[in-house]
Amino acid sequence: MKSSRYIKMIRSMMQILKRARVRPYLHKTSNHMYTVWQHLILLTLYQYETKCYKRFTEFLKECFGICEYLGLSKIPHYTTIQKAAARLDVGILQKILESFVMNMKIKSVFAGIDATGFGHGQSSYYYTKRAKLRRKFVKMSAISDMKSQIICAIKIRHRTRHDSIDFGPLLQKVNGIIPIDTVVADKGYDSERNHVESDSLGIVSIIPPRYENVPVYKTRGYHRKRLKRYGYDKTLYHQRNKCETIFFVIKKMFGENVTSRKISTQNRELFHRVIAYNVYRITRDKLLIWHGFYTACF
């Protein structure tokens, strides 16, 4: 049952890789034993299993359908997958995320921006709390489409920074692929600069102003004053809750911590985790559409 579900995900992943135009090999003189496609798909499935690399290869030995569908002549050693995770460029993973956006085939994006944290400490939460240690985390800011709940782009930071710093770059990155119609964000992104930047791109921004009890004449910024004076569409704004749903699904399926130790591999692991979530989302939607068609006919 699990093998058949994974084959459907592999089929969708191959379509995304084809759209992203990922080369089968990184270099012409490289060892042509395994392709980049096979490594990327195995790393995506590795996120679903939430196991170490050694146990994941043992799991592959039991799933004959996956290896046969991928065209693997033999099961790769667990260090092969581990080295592939550290070797694949972030630019390739970013290109794959962009191909998910183009795969939606929509004219405009209804975007939502939010951030969340992933722990990467090896000690437990109770030990760090009792020993009064500072718990480390990786912060990921993501912009997603609220209609399809697909993550379009992410920005990863390893130091404590304000959420508004990543608002503009994420908005410009997605708007360069598919035009954004409306963007919603919580009060943490309340800044006149964010409103001005979205307005310059022709995007309607819905960001509730902080300190609602402060009078309008004491509020700074034209857009912030306008939101306080005339209000905003709360029905559209509450679509932002889907950002929390996306983060909940990612942490529920793949865990709240990253297992890598280096900063570069932590970034790649989060990219693989987001790609695995997007693959799950598009295959889930396809299964729901087919199920609705089947029930309507019979």
C-alpha atoms as a PDB file:
ATOM      1  CA  MET A   1       0.000   0.000   0.000  1.00  0.00           C
ATOM      2  CA  LYS A   2       2.793   2.382   0.916  1.00  0.00           C
ATOM      3  CA  SER A   3       4.741   1.370  -2.178  1.00  0.00           C
ATOM      4  CA  SER A   4       1.804   2.175  -4.505  1.00  0.00           C
ATOM      5  CA  ARG A   5       1.330   5.569  -2.845  1.00  0.00           C
ATOM      6  CA  TYR A   6       5.006   6.354  -3.256  1.00  0.00           C
ATOM      7  CA  ILE A   7       4.900   5.401  -6.938  1.00  0.00           C
ATOM      8  CA  LYS A   8       2.162   7.993  -7.507  1.00  0.00           C
ATOM      9  CA  MET A   9       4.355  10.578  -5.790  1.00  0.00           C
ATOM     10  CA  ILE A  10       7.352   9.529  -7.894  1.00  0.00           C
ATOM     11  CA  ARG A  11       5.297   9.957 -11.058  1.00  0.00           C
ATOM     12  CA  SER A  12       4.319  13.496 -10.014  1.00  0.00           C
ATOM     13  CA  MET A  13       7.898  14.265  -8.995  1.00  0.00           C
ATOM     14  CA  MET A  14       9.170  13.210 -12.413  1.00  0.00           C
ATOM     15  CA  GLN A  15       6.768  15.628 -14.093  1.00  0.00           C
ATOM     16  CA  ILE A  16       8.031  18.446 -11.874  1.00  0.00           C
ATOM     17  CA  LEU A  17      11.682  17.588 -12.589  1.00  0.00           C
ATOM     18  CA  LYS A  18      10.970  17.520 -16.301  1.00  0.00           C
ATOM     19  CA  ARG A  19       9.328  20.951 -16.098  1.00  0.00           C
ATOM     20  CA  ALA A  20      12.274  22.267 -14.076  1.00  0.00           C
ATOM     21  CA  ARG A  21      14.684  20.934 -16.745  1.00  0.00           C
ATOM     22  CA  VAL A  22      16.988  19.298 -14.221  1.00  0.00           C
ATOM     23  CA  ARG A  23      19.925  17.609 -15.904  1.00  0.00           C
ATOM     24  CA  PRO A  24      20.291  13.854 -15.339  1.00  0.00           C
ATOM     25  CA  TYR A  25      23.968  14.250 -14.342  1.00  0.00           C
ATOM     26  CA  LEU A  26      25.800  17.132 -12.704  1.00  0.00           C
ATOM     27  CA  HIS A  27      28.947  16.646 -14.797  1.00  0.00           C
ATOM     28  CA  LYS A  28      29.825  14.689 -17.906  1.00  0.00           C
ATOM     29  CA  THR A  29      32.774  12.968 -16.196  1.00  0.00           C
ATOM     30  CA  SER A  30      30.789  11.979 -13.092  1.00  0.00           C
ATOM     31  CA  ASN A  31      30.037   8.387 -12.135  1.00  0.00           C
ATOM     32  CA  HIS A  32      26.915   7.540 -14.185  1.00  0.00           C
ATOM     33  CA  MET A  33      25.711   4.938 -11.715  1.00  0.00           C
ATOM     34  CA  TYR A  34      22.776   7.015 -10.395  1.00  0.00           C
ATOM     35  CA  THR A  35      21.099  10.046 -11.935  1.00  0.00           C
ATOM     36  CA  VAL A  36      20.276  13.340 -10.229  1.00  0.00           C
ATOM     37  CA  TRP A  37      16.579  12.518 -10.686  1.00  0.00           C
ATOM     38  CA  GLN A  38      16.991   9.263  -8.753  1.00  0.00           C
ATOM     39  CA  HIS A  39      18.859  11.050  -5.952  1.00  0.00           C
ATOM     40  CA  LEU A  40      16.244  13.805  -5.692  1.00  0.00           C
ATOM     41  CA  ILE A  41      13.346  11.355  -5.609  1.00  0.00           C
ATOM     42  CA  LEU A  42      15.052   9.168  -2.998  1.00  0.00           C
ATOM     43  CA  LEU A  43      15.768  12.219  -0.834  1.00  0.00           C
ATOM     44  CA  THR A  44      12.119  13.231  -1.137  1.00  0.00           C
ATOM     45  CA  LEU A  45      10.957   9.778  -0.051  1.00  0.00           C
ATOM     46  CA  TYR A  46      13.524   9.881   2.751  1.00  0.00           C
ATOM     47  CA  GLN A  47      11.628  12.821   4.271  1.00  0.00           C
ATOM     48  CA  TYR A  48       8.437  10.748   4.403  1.00  0.00           C
ATOM     49  CA  GLU A  49      10.051   7.877   6.274  1.00  0.00           C
ATOM     50  CA  THR A  50      11.716  10.078   8.968  1.00  0.00           C
ATOM     51  CA  LYS A  51      14.451   7.475   9.435  1.00  0.00           C
ATOM     52  CA  CYS A  52      18.209   7.601   9.322  1.00  0.00           C
ATOM     53  CA  TYR A  53      19.902   6.980   5.964  1.00  0.00           C
ATOM     54  CA  LYS A  54      20.932   3.445   6.900  1.00  0.00           C
ATOM     55  CA  ARG A  55      17.408   2.365   7.845  1.00  0.00           C
ATOM     56  CA  PHE A  56      16.021   4.081   4.769  1.00  0.00           C
ATOM     57  CA  THR A  57      18.175   1.930   2.482  1.00  0.00           C
ATOM     58  CA  GLU A  58      16.983  -1.146   4.377  1.00  0.00           C
ATOM     59  CA  PHE A  59      13.429   0.028   3.738  1.00  0.00           C
ATOM     60  CA  LEU A  60      14.180   0.303   0.003  1.00  0.00           C
ATOM     61  CA  LYS A  61      15.230  -3.355  -0.079  1.00  0.00           C
ATOM     62  CA  GLU A  62      11.690  -4.314   0.909  1.00  0.00           C
ATOM     63  CA  CYS A  63       9.984  -2.003  -1.631  1.00  0.00           C
ATOM     64  CA  PHE A  64      10.634  -3.732  -4.942  1.00  0.00           C
ATOM     65  CA  GLY A  65       8.103  -1.586  -6.801  1.00  0.00           C
ATOM     66  CA  ILE A  66       9.896   1.677  -5.998  1.00  0.00           C
ATOM     67  CA  CYS A  67      13.315   0.437  -7.115  1.00  0.00           C
ATOM     68  CA  GLU A  68      11.887  -1.117 -10.272  1.00  0.00           C
ATOM     69  CA  TYR A  69       9.951   2.052 -11.161  1.00  0.00           C
ATOM     70  CA  LEU A  70      13.034   4.230 -10.612  1.00  0.00           C
ATOM     71  CA  GLY A  71      15.188   1.882 -12.691  1.00  0.00           C
ATOM     72  CA  LEU A  72      17.670   1.145  -9.898  1.00  0.00           C
ATOM     73  CA  SER A  73      19.874  -1.828 -10.768  1.00  0.00           C
ATOM     74  CA  LYS A  74      20.943  -2.063  -7.116  1.00  0.00           C
ATOM     75  CA  ILE A  75      20.107  -0.339  -3.856  1.00  0.00           C
ATOM     76  CA  PRO A  76      22.485   2.597  -3.241  1.00  0.00           C
ATOM     77  CA  HIS A  77      24.626   2.612  -0.121  1.00  0.00           C
ATOM     78  CA  TYR A  78      23.318   4.906   2.587  1.00  0.00           C
ATOM     79  CA  THR A  79      26.439   7.106   2.329  1.00  0.00           C
ATOM     80  CA  THR A  80      25.651   7.634  -1.376  1.00  0.00           C
ATOM     81  CA  ILE A  81      22.302   9.231  -0.510  1.00  0.00           C
ATOM     82  CA  GLN A  82      23.901  11.165   2.336  1.00  0.00           C
ATOM     83  CA  LYS A  83      26.604  12.617   0.080  1.00  0.00           C
ATOM     84  CA  ALA A  84      24.026  13.435  -2.613  1.00  0.00           C
ATOM     85  CA  ALA A  85      22.056  15.477  -0.063  1.00  0.00           C
ATOM     86  CA  ALA A  86      25.159  17.563   0.667  1.00  0.00           C
ATOM     87  CA  ARG A  87      26.239  17.809  -2.979  1.00  0.00           C
ATOM     88  CA  LEU A  88      23.044  18.984  -4.688  1.00  0.00           C
ATOM     89  CA  ASP A  89      23.015  22.726  -5.240  1.00  0.00           C
ATOM     90  CA  VAL A  90      20.391  24.936  -3.587  1.00  0.00           C
ATOM     91  CA  GLY A  91      19.817  26.571  -6.993  1.00  0.00           C
ATOM     92  CA  ILE A  92      18.509  23.278  -8.365  1.00  0.00           C
ATOM     93  CA  LEU A  93      16.141  22.889  -5.407  1.00  0.00           C
ATOM     94  CA  GLN A  94      14.945  26.469  -5.847  1.00  0.00           C
ATOM     95  CA  LYS A  95      14.278  25.774  -9.526  1.00  0.00           C
ATOM     96  CA  ILE A  96      12.168  22.759  -8.537  1.00  0.00           C
ATOM     97  CA  LEU A  97      10.081  24.944  -6.194  1.00  0.00           C
ATOM     98  CA  GLU A  98       9.504  27.396  -9.051  1.00  0.00           C
ATOM     99  CA  SER A  99       8.308  24.558 -11.264  1.00  0.00           C
ATOM    100  CA  PHE A 100       5.602  23.768  -8.677  1.00  0.00           C
ATOM    101  CA  VAL A 101       4.323  27.331  -9.099  1.00  0.00           C
ATOM    102  CA  MET A 102       4.270  27.028 -12.900  1.00  0.00           C
ATOM    103  CA  ASN A 103       2.593  23.630 -12.615  1.00  0.00           C
ATOM    104  CA  MET A 104      -0.460  25.226 -10.938  1.00  0.00           C
ATOM    105  CA  LYS A 105      -1.481  26.798 -14.287  1.00  0.00           C
ATOM    106  CA  ILE A 106      -3.198  29.828 -12.775  1.00  0.00           C
ATOM    107  CA  LYS A 107      -3.219  33.455 -13.872  1.00  0.00           C
ATOM    108  CA  SER A 108      -2.569  35.015 -10.456  1.00  0.00           C
ATOM    109  CA  VAL A 109      -1.496  33.918  -6.981  1.00  0.00           C
ATOM    110  CA  PHE A 110      -3.367  34.660  -3.764  1.00  0.00           C
ATOM    111  CA  ALA A 111      -0.294  34.663  -1.537  1.00  0.00           C
ATOM    112  CA  GLY A 112       0.189  34.318   2.190  1.00  0.00           C
ATOM    113  CA  ILE A 113       3.475  34.905   4.026  1.00  0.00           C
ATOM    114  CA  ASP A 114       4.451  33.517   7.411  1.00  0.00           C
ATOM    115  CA  ALA A 115       7.470  32.118   9.259  1.00  0.00           C
ATOM    116  CA  THR A 116       8.109  29.152  11.540  1.00  0.00           C
ATOM    117  CA  GLY A 117      11.007  27.585  13.377  1.00  0.00           C
ATOM    118  CA  PHE A 118      12.590  24.111  13.303  1.00  0.00           C
ATOM    119  CA  GLY A 119      14.779  22.893  16.126  1.00  0.00           C
ATOM    120  CA  HIS A 120      18.164  21.336  15.401  1.00  0.00           C
ATOM    121  CA  GLY A 121      19.518  20.624  18.859  1.00  0.00           C
ATOM    122  CA  GLN A 122      20.293  17.018  19.672  1.00  0.00           C
ATOM    123  CA  SER A 123      19.164  17.403  23.302  1.00  0.00           C
ATOM    124  CA  SER A 124      15.520  17.083  24.290  1.00  0.00           C
ATOM    125  CA  TYR A 125      13.255  19.983  25.172  1.00  0.00           C
ATOM    126  CA  TYR A 126      13.015  18.907  28.832  1.00  0.00           C
ATOM    127  CA  TYR A 127      16.795  18.687  29.229  1.00  0.00           C
ATOM    128  CA  THR A 128      17.371  22.150  27.769  1.00  0.00           C
ATOM    129  CA  LYS A 129      14.623  23.572  29.969  1.00  0.00           C
ATOM    130  CA  ARG A 130      15.990  21.958  33.127  1.00  0.00           C
ATOM    131  CA  ALA A 131      19.621  22.796  32.355  1.00  0.00           C
ATOM    132  CA  LYS A 132      18.550  26.335  31.305  1.00  0.00           C
ATOM    133  CA  LEU A 133      20.262  26.032  27.944  1.00  0.00           C
ATOM    134  CA  ARG A 134      19.440  28.220  24.964  1.00  0.00           C
ATOM    135  CA  ARG A 135      17.485  26.136  22.481  1.00  0.00           C
ATOM    136  CA  LYS A 136      18.707  26.612  18.890  1.00  0.00           C
ATOM    137  CA  PHE A 137      16.369  26.699  15.905  1.00  0.00           C
ATOM    138  CA  VAL A 138      16.278  27.332  12.162  1.00  0.00           C
ATOM    139  CA  LYS A 139      13.811  29.958  10.960  1.00  0.00           C
ATOM    140  CA  MET A 140      12.016  29.415   7.652  1.00  0.00           C
ATOM    141  CA  SER A 141       9.926  32.134   6.012  1.00  0.00           C
ATOM    142  CA  ALA A 142       7.592  30.839   3.311  1.00  0.00           C
ATOM    143  CA  ILE A 143       5.226  32.386   0.787  1.00  0.00           C
ATOM    144  CA  SER A 144       2.410  30.072  -0.267  1.00  0.00           C
ATOM    145  CA  ASP A 145      -0.600  30.081  -2.538  1.00  0.00           C
ATOM    146  CA  MET A 146      -3.722  30.086  -0.360  1.00  0.00           C
ATOM    147  CA  LYS A 147      -5.891  28.440  -3.031  1.00  0.00           C
ATOM    148  CA  SER A 148      -3.807  25.335  -3.671  1.00  0.00           C
ATOM    149  CA  GLN A 149      -1.739  25.494  -0.413  1.00  0.00           C
ATOM    150  CA  ILE A 150       1.484  25.062  -2.388  1.00  0.00           C
ATOM    151  CA  ILE A 151       4.679  26.633  -1.033  1.00  0.00           C
ATOM    152  CA  CYS A 152       6.118  28.868  -3.761  1.00  0.00           C
ATOM    153  CA  ALA A 153       9.380  30.096  -2.212  1.00  0.00           C
ATOM    154  CA  ILE A 154      11.227  29.989   1.103  1.00  0.00           C
ATOM    155  CA  LYS A 155      13.980  31.893   2.887  1.00  0.00           C
ATOM    156  CA  ILE A 156      16.019  30.199   5.631  1.00  0.00           C
ATOM    157  CA  ARG A 157      17.842  32.029   8.416  1.00  0.00           C
ATOM    158  CA  HIS A 158      19.930  30.732  11.297  1.00  0.00           C
ATOM    159  CA  ARG A 159      19.894  33.880  13.404  1.00  0.00           C
ATOM    160  CA  THR A 160      17.098  35.798  15.044  1.00  0.00           C
ATOM    161  CA  ARG A 161      15.858  38.422  12.560  1.00  0.00           C
ATOM    162  CA  HIS A 162      12.576  40.250  12.090  1.00  0.00           C
ATOM    163  CA  ASP A 163       9.969  38.715   9.788  1.00  0.00           C
ATOM    164  CA  SER A 164       9.619  41.878   7.671  1.00  0.00           C
ATOM    165  CA  ILE A 165      13.144  41.518   6.259  1.00  0.00           C
ATOM    166  CA  ASP A 166      12.099  38.594   4.060  1.00  0.00           C
ATOM    167  CA  PHE A 167       8.741  40.049   2.965  1.00  0.00           C
ATOM    168  CA  GLY A 168      10.002  41.989  -0.057  1.00  0.00           C
ATOM    169  CA  PRO A 169      12.458  39.416  -1.496  1.00  0.00           C
ATOM    170  CA  LEU A 170       9.918  36.582  -1.275  1.00  0.00           C
ATOM    171  CA  LEU A 171       7.245  38.742  -2.889  1.00  0.00           C
ATOM    172  CA  GLN A 172       9.502  39.744  -5.787  1.00  0.00           C
ATOM    173  CA  LYS A 173      10.703  36.175  -6.334  1.00  0.00           C
ATOM    174  CA  VAL A 174       7.202  34.715  -6.763  1.00  0.00           C
ATOM    175  CA  ASN A 175       5.840  37.750  -8.635  1.00  0.00           C
ATOM    176  CA  GLY A 176       8.608  37.256 -11.207  1.00  0.00           C
ATOM    177  CA  ILE A 177       7.228  33.773 -11.964  1.00  0.00           C
ATOM    178  CA  ILE A 178       3.444  34.322 -11.756  1.00  0.00           C
ATOM    179  CA  PRO A 179       1.793  37.682 -10.936  1.00  0.00           C
ATOM    180  CA  ILE A 180       0.482  37.992  -7.367  1.00  0.00           C
ATOM    181  CA  ASP A 181      -2.969  39.481  -6.979  1.00  0.00           C
ATOM    182  CA  THR A 182      -3.290  39.753  -3.176  1.00  0.00           C
ATOM    183  CA  VAL A 183      -0.941  39.062  -0.278  1.00  0.00           C
ATOM    184  CA  VAL A 184      -2.005  38.516   3.341  1.00  0.00           C
ATOM    185  CA  ALA A 185       0.219  38.483   6.422  1.00  0.00           C
ATOM    186  CA  ASP A 186      -0.159  38.790  10.180  1.00  0.00           C
ATOM    187  CA  LYS A 187       0.671  41.768  12.391  1.00  0.00           C
ATOM    188  CA  GLY A 188       4.318  40.751  12.562  1.00  0.00           C
ATOM    189  CA  TYR A 189       4.709  42.093   9.000  1.00  0.00           C
ATOM    190  CA  ASP A 190       3.031  45.425   9.804  1.00  0.00           C
ATOM    191  CA  SER A 191       5.331  47.970   8.177  1.00  0.00           C
ATOM    192  CA  GLU A 192       4.738  50.878   5.811  1.00  0.00           C
ATOM    193  CA  ARG A 193       7.701  49.702   3.772  1.00  0.00           C
ATOM    194  CA  ASN A 194       6.009  46.348   3.097  1.00  0.00           C
ATOM    195  CA  HIS A 195       2.838  48.108   1.947  1.00  0.00           C
ATOM    196  CA  VAL A 196       4.797  50.430  -0.346  1.00  0.00           C
ATOM    197  CA  GLU A 197       6.785  47.553  -1.859  1.00  0.00           C
ATOM    198  CA  SER A 198       3.679  45.488  -2.575  1.00  0.00           C
ATOM    199  CA  ASP A 199       1.890  48.559  -3.977  1.00  0.00           C
ATOM    200  CA  SER A 200       4.801  49.252  -6.339  1.00  0.00           C
ATOM    201  CA  LEU A 201       4.360  45.731  -7.743  1.00  0.00           C
ATOM    202  CA  GLY A 202       0.596  46.226  -8.167  1.00  0.00           C
ATOM    203  CA  ILE A 203      -0.257  43.838  -5.316  1.00  0.00           C
ATOM    204  CA  VAL A 204      -3.034  44.401  -2.783  1.00  0.00           C
ATOM    205  CA  SER A 205      -1.593  43.898   0.717  1.00  0.00           C
ATOM    206  CA  ILE A 206      -3.773  43.018   3.712  1.00  0.00           C
ATOM    207  CA  ILE A 207      -1.699  43.359   6.889  1.00  0.00           C
ATOM    208  CA  PRO A 208      -3.579  44.369  10.054  1.00  0.00           C
ATOM    209  CA  PRO A 209      -1.906  47.297  11.838  1.00  0.00           C
ATOM    210  CA  ARG A 210      -0.601  46.779  15.332  1.00  0.00           C
ATOM    211  CA  TYR A 211      -1.781  48.830  18.302  1.00  0.00           C
ATOM    212  CA  GLU A 212      -5.379  49.132  17.168  1.00  0.00           C
ATOM    213  CA  ASN A 213      -6.218  51.367  20.152  1.00  0.00           C
ATOM    214  CA  VAL A 214      -3.788  54.051  18.948  1.00  0.00           C
ATOM    215  CA  PRO A 215      -5.667  56.880  17.130  1.00  0.00           C
ATOM    216  CA  VAL A 216      -5.290  57.294  13.381  1.00  0.00           C
ATOM    217  CA  TYR A 217      -3.555  60.665  13.610  1.00  0.00           C
ATOM    218  CA  LYS A 218      -0.795  59.079  15.726  1.00  0.00           C
ATOM    219  CA  THR A 219      -0.266  56.208  13.241  1.00  0.00           C
ATOM    220  CA  ARG A 220       2.595  56.591  10.775  1.00  0.00           C
ATOM    221  CA  GLY A 221       2.334  55.759   7.091  1.00  0.00           C
ATOM    222  CA  TYR A 222      -0.321  56.364   4.448  1.00  0.00           C
ATOM    223  CA  HIS A 223      -1.258  52.706   3.954  1.00  0.00           C
ATOM    224  CA  ARG A 224      -1.362  51.943   7.677  1.00  0.00           C
ATOM    225  CA  LYS A 225      -3.612  54.937   8.306  1.00  0.00           C
ATOM    226  CA  ARG A 226      -5.878  53.859   5.474  1.00  0.00           C
ATOM    227  CA  LEU A 227      -6.283  50.369   6.922  1.00  0.00           C
ATOM    228  CA  LYS A 228      -7.211  51.819  10.299  1.00  0.00           C
ATOM    229  CA  ARG A 229      -9.611  54.345   8.819  1.00  0.00           C
ATOM    230  CA  TYR A 230     -11.454  52.166   6.311  1.00  0.00           C
ATOM    231  CA  GLY A 231     -10.703  48.670   7.571  1.00  0.00           C
ATOM    232  CA  TYR A 232     -10.043  45.592   5.425  1.00  0.00           C
ATOM    233  CA  ASP A 233     -11.806  42.500   4.144  1.00  0.00           C
ATOM    234  CA  LYS A 234     -11.586  40.082   7.076  1.00  0.00           C
ATOM    235  CA  THR A 235     -12.877  37.182   4.975  1.00  0.00           C
ATOM    236  CA  LEU A 236      -9.833  37.476   2.715  1.00  0.00           C
ATOM    237  CA  TYR A 237      -7.491  38.050   5.629  1.00  0.00           C
ATOM    238  CA  HIS A 238      -8.617  34.917   7.477  1.00  0.00           C
ATOM    239  CA  GLN A 239      -7.402  32.873   4.506  1.00  0.00           C
ATOM    240  CA  ARG A 240      -3.976  33.513   6.060  1.00  0.00           C
ATOM    241  CA  ASN A 241      -4.781  30.736   8.554  1.00  0.00           C
ATOM    242  CA  LYS A 242      -3.886  28.268   5.807  1.00  0.00           C
ATOM    243  CA  CYS A 243      -0.229  29.243   6.351  1.00  0.00           C
ATOM    244  CA  GLU A 244      -0.505  27.790   9.848  1.00  0.00           C
ATOM    245  CA  THR A 245      -2.139  24.695   8.368  1.00  0.00           C
ATOM    246  CA  ILE A 246       0.778  24.226   5.965  1.00  0.00           C
ATOM    247  CA  PHE A 247       3.348  24.453   8.756  1.00  0.00           C
ATOM    248  CA  PHE A 248       1.309  22.083  10.920  1.00  0.00           C
ATOM    249  CA  VAL A 249       1.171  19.456   8.145  1.00  0.00           C
ATOM    250  CA  ILE A 250       4.932  19.727   7.491  1.00  0.00           C
ATOM    251  CA  LYS A 251       5.837  19.302  11.162  1.00  0.00           C
ATOM    252  CA  LYS A 252       3.285  16.537  11.658  1.00  0.00           C
ATOM    253  CA  MET A 253       4.490  14.521   8.671  1.00  0.00           C
ATOM    254  CA  PHE A 254       8.236  15.188   8.696  1.00  0.00           C
ATOM    255  CA  GLY A 255       8.994  16.261  12.266  1.00  0.00           C
ATOM    256  CA  GLU A 256       9.736  19.521  14.061  1.00  0.00           C
ATOM    257  CA  ASN A 257      13.550  19.142  14.025  1.00  0.00           C
ATOM    258  CA  VAL A 258      16.190  18.973  11.324  1.00  0.00           C
ATOM    259  CA  THR A 259      18.721  16.176  11.706  1.00  0.00           C
ATOM    260  CA  SER A 260      21.630  17.757   9.796  1.00  0.00           C
ATOM    261  CA  ARG A 261      24.458  19.428  11.700  1.00  0.00           C
ATOM    262  CA  LYS A 262      26.000  21.805   9.138  1.00  0.00           C
ATOM    263  CA  ILE A 263      24.212  24.968   8.053  1.00  0.00           C
ATOM    264  CA  SER A 264      24.440  24.103   4.343  1.00  0.00           C
ATOM    265  CA  THR A 265      22.950  20.633   4.824  1.00  0.00           C
ATOM    266  CA  GLN A 266      20.238  22.040   7.099  1.00  0.00           C
ATOM    267  CA  ASN A 267      19.184  24.384   4.289  1.00  0.00           C
ATOM    268  CA  ARG A 268      19.079  21.527   1.807  1.00  0.00           C
ATOM    269  CA  GLU A 269      17.114  19.342   4.222  1.00  0.00           C
ATOM    270  CA  LEU A 270      14.437  22.023   4.619  1.00  0.00           C
ATOM    271  CA  PHE A 271      14.260  22.416   0.841  1.00  0.00           C
ATOM    272  CA  HIS A 272      13.749  18.641   0.479  1.00  0.00           C
ATOM    273  CA  ARG A 273      11.085  18.791   3.188  1.00  0.00           C
ATOM    274  CA  VAL A 274       9.178  21.563   1.387  1.00  0.00           C
ATOM    275  CA  ILE A 275       9.451  19.710  -1.942  1.00  0.00           C
ATOM    276  CA  ALA A 276       8.130  16.545  -0.261  1.00  0.00           C
ATOM    277  CA  TYR A 277       5.184  18.521   1.111  1.00  0.00           C
ATOM    278  CA  ASN A 278       4.383  20.018  -2.312  1.00  0.00           C
ATOM    279  CA  VAL A 279       4.478  16.570  -3.909  1.00  0.00           C
ATOM    280  CA  TYR A 280       2.118  15.299  -1.211  1.00  0.00           C
ATOM    281  CA  ARG A 281      -0.224  18.236  -1.827  1.00  0.00           C
ATOM    282  CA  ILE A 282      -0.488  17.831  -5.606  1.00  0.00           C
ATOM    283  CA  THR A 283      -0.909  14.041  -5.408  1.00  0.00           C
ATOM    284  CA  ARG A 284      -3.508  14.441  -2.655  1.00  0.00           C
ATOM    285  CA  ASP A 285      -5.489  16.918  -4.756  1.00  0.00           C
ATOM    286  CA  LYS A 286      -5.360  14.580  -7.758  1.00  0.00           C
ATOM    287  CA  LEU A 287      -6.638  11.687  -5.651  1.00  0.00           C
ATOM    288  CA  LEU A 288      -9.484  13.830  -4.254  1.00  0.00           C
ATOM    289  CA  ILE A 289     -10.484  14.988  -7.752  1.00  0.00           C
ATOM    290  CA  TRP A 290     -10.498  11.382  -9.015  1.00  0.00           C
ATOM    291  CA  HIS A 291     -12.481  10.237  -5.960  1.00  0.00           C
ATOM    292  CA  GLY A 292     -15.075  12.994  -6.553  1.00  0.00           C
ATOM    293  CA  PHE A 293     -15.352  12.043 -10.225  1.00  0.00           C
ATOM    294  CA  TYR A 294     -15.745   8.359  -9.319  1.00  0.00           C
ATOM    295  CA  THR A 295     -18.505   9.009  -6.733  1.00  0.00           C
ATOM    296  CA  ALA A 296     -20.314  11.351  -9.142  1.00  0.00           C
ATOM    297  CA  CYS A 297     -20.394   8.680 -11.856  1.00  0.00           C
ATOM    298  CA  PHE A 298     -21.437   5.795  -9.633  1.00  0.00           C
END
